Amino acid sequence: MVQNRKLTDLRNIGSKIAGRLNEAGIFSEDELRFFGPVKAHRMIKEKHPNEALPVCYYLYSFEGALYDKHWDEIGEKRKQELRFEID
């Protein structure tokens, strides 16, 4: 797997989500991998505490991006694990 790609080169990550990651201090695939989907979600939530962040657009997208899967393909069990970690 090629690493350290730009965020927008990753599956599920468009310019809006990449911008949110950038605001949180994450600028590359390697940085997203280092922090992981849960920490990245928390970092964005800290920057936007009054905004509802849909887990499918953020948490699941980050997980899918790291494994080159559409966010809906990561499996219900893994989605539950991720939701448990952010609660």
Protein backbone atom coordinates (compact mmCIF):
# COMPACT_ATOMS: atom_id res chain seq x y z
CA MET A 1 0.00 0.00 0.00
CA VAL A 2 1.35 3.43 -0.92
CA GLN A 3 1.43 5.62 2.14
CA ASN A 4 1.71 9.30 2.94
CA ARG A 5 -0.69 10.29 0.21
CA LYS A 6 -2.57 13.54 0.38
CA LEU A 7 -5.82 13.21 2.29
CA THR A 8 -7.91 13.91 -0.80
CA ASP A 9 -6.18 10.98 -2.56
CA LEU A 10 -7.73 8.63 -0.01
CA ARG A 11 -11.07 6.94 -0.51
CA ASN A 12 -13.97 8.70 1.31
CA ILE A 13 -11.98 11.90 1.89
CA GLY A 14 -13.17 14.89 -0.10
CA SER A 15 -12.09 18.49 0.22
CA LYS A 16 -14.49 19.32 3.07
CA ILE A 17 -13.40 16.40 5.25
CA ALA A 18 -9.73 17.00 4.35
CA GLY A 19 -10.21 20.63 5.43
CA ARG A 20 -11.62 19.52 8.77
CA LEU A 21 -8.68 17.16 9.26
CA ASN A 22 -6.29 19.99 8.38
CA GLU A 23 -7.93 22.23 11.00
CA ALA A 24 -7.24 19.47 13.53
CA GLY A 25 -3.58 19.23 12.47
CA ILE A 26 -3.78 16.16 10.24
CA PHE A 27 -2.40 16.69 6.73
CA SER A 28 -1.46 13.28 5.30
CA GLU A 29 -2.35 9.61 5.23
CA ASP A 30 0.51 8.81 7.61
CA GLU A 31 -0.77 11.35 10.13
CA LEU A 32 -4.31 9.99 9.87
CA ARG A 33 -2.93 6.48 10.35
CA PHE A 34 -0.89 7.64 13.37
CA PHE A 35 -3.89 9.20 15.13
CA GLY A 36 -6.45 6.67 13.90
CA PRO A 37 -10.11 7.23 13.10
CA VAL A 38 -11.32 7.69 16.68
CA LYS A 39 -8.69 10.25 17.71
CA ALA A 40 -9.11 12.10 14.41
CA HIS A 41 -12.88 12.27 15.01
CA ARG A 42 -12.27 13.58 18.55
CA MET A 43 -9.79 16.18 17.29
CA ILE A 44 -12.34 17.53 14.80
CA LYS A 45 -15.06 17.48 17.48
CA GLU A 46 -12.80 19.59 19.72
CA LYS A 47 -12.52 22.19 16.94
CA HIS A 48 -16.30 22.14 16.34
CA PRO A 49 -17.87 21.33 19.74
CA ASN A 50 -21.34 22.61 18.88
CA GLU A 51 -21.63 20.80 15.57
CA ALA A 52 -23.05 17.32 15.09
CA LEU A 53 -20.52 15.22 13.19
CA PRO A 54 -22.20 12.35 11.32
CA VAL A 55 -20.20 9.23 12.12
CA CYS A 56 -20.55 7.93 8.57
CA TYR A 57 -18.95 11.07 7.12
CA TYR A 58 -16.13 11.22 9.61
CA LEU A 59 -15.44 8.19 11.79
CA TYR A 60 -16.37 5.53 9.23
CA SER A 61 -14.82 7.51 6.37
CA PHE A 62 -11.50 7.67 8.20
CA GLU A 63 -11.55 3.93 8.89
CA GLY A 64 -12.43 3.17 5.28
CA ALA A 65 -9.79 5.57 3.98
CA LEU A 66 -7.08 3.72 5.87
CA TYR A 67 -8.14 0.38 4.37
CA ASP A 68 -9.18 1.63 0.92
CA LYS A 69 -12.82 0.75 1.48
CA HIS A 70 -16.02 2.71 1.08
CA TRP A 71 -17.21 3.69 4.54
CA ASP A 72 -20.25 1.45 4.21
CA GLU A 73 -18.05 -1.61 3.52
CA ILE A 74 -16.20 -1.68 6.83
CA GLY A 75 -18.69 -4.05 8.44
CA GLU A 76 -21.23 -3.61 11.19
CA LYS A 77 -19.04 -5.17 13.87
CA ARG A 78 -16.21 -2.69 13.22
CA LYS A 79 -18.68 0.20 13.06
CA GLN A 80 -19.99 -0.80 16.50
CA GLU A 81 -16.43 -0.97 17.87
CA LEU A 82 -15.69 2.49 16.53
CA ARG A 83 -18.92 3.96 17.93
CA PHE A 84 -18.14 2.37 21.31
CA GLU A 85 -14.70 4.00 21.30
CA ILE A 86 -16.07 7.51 20.72
CA ASP A 87 -18.76 7.23 23.40
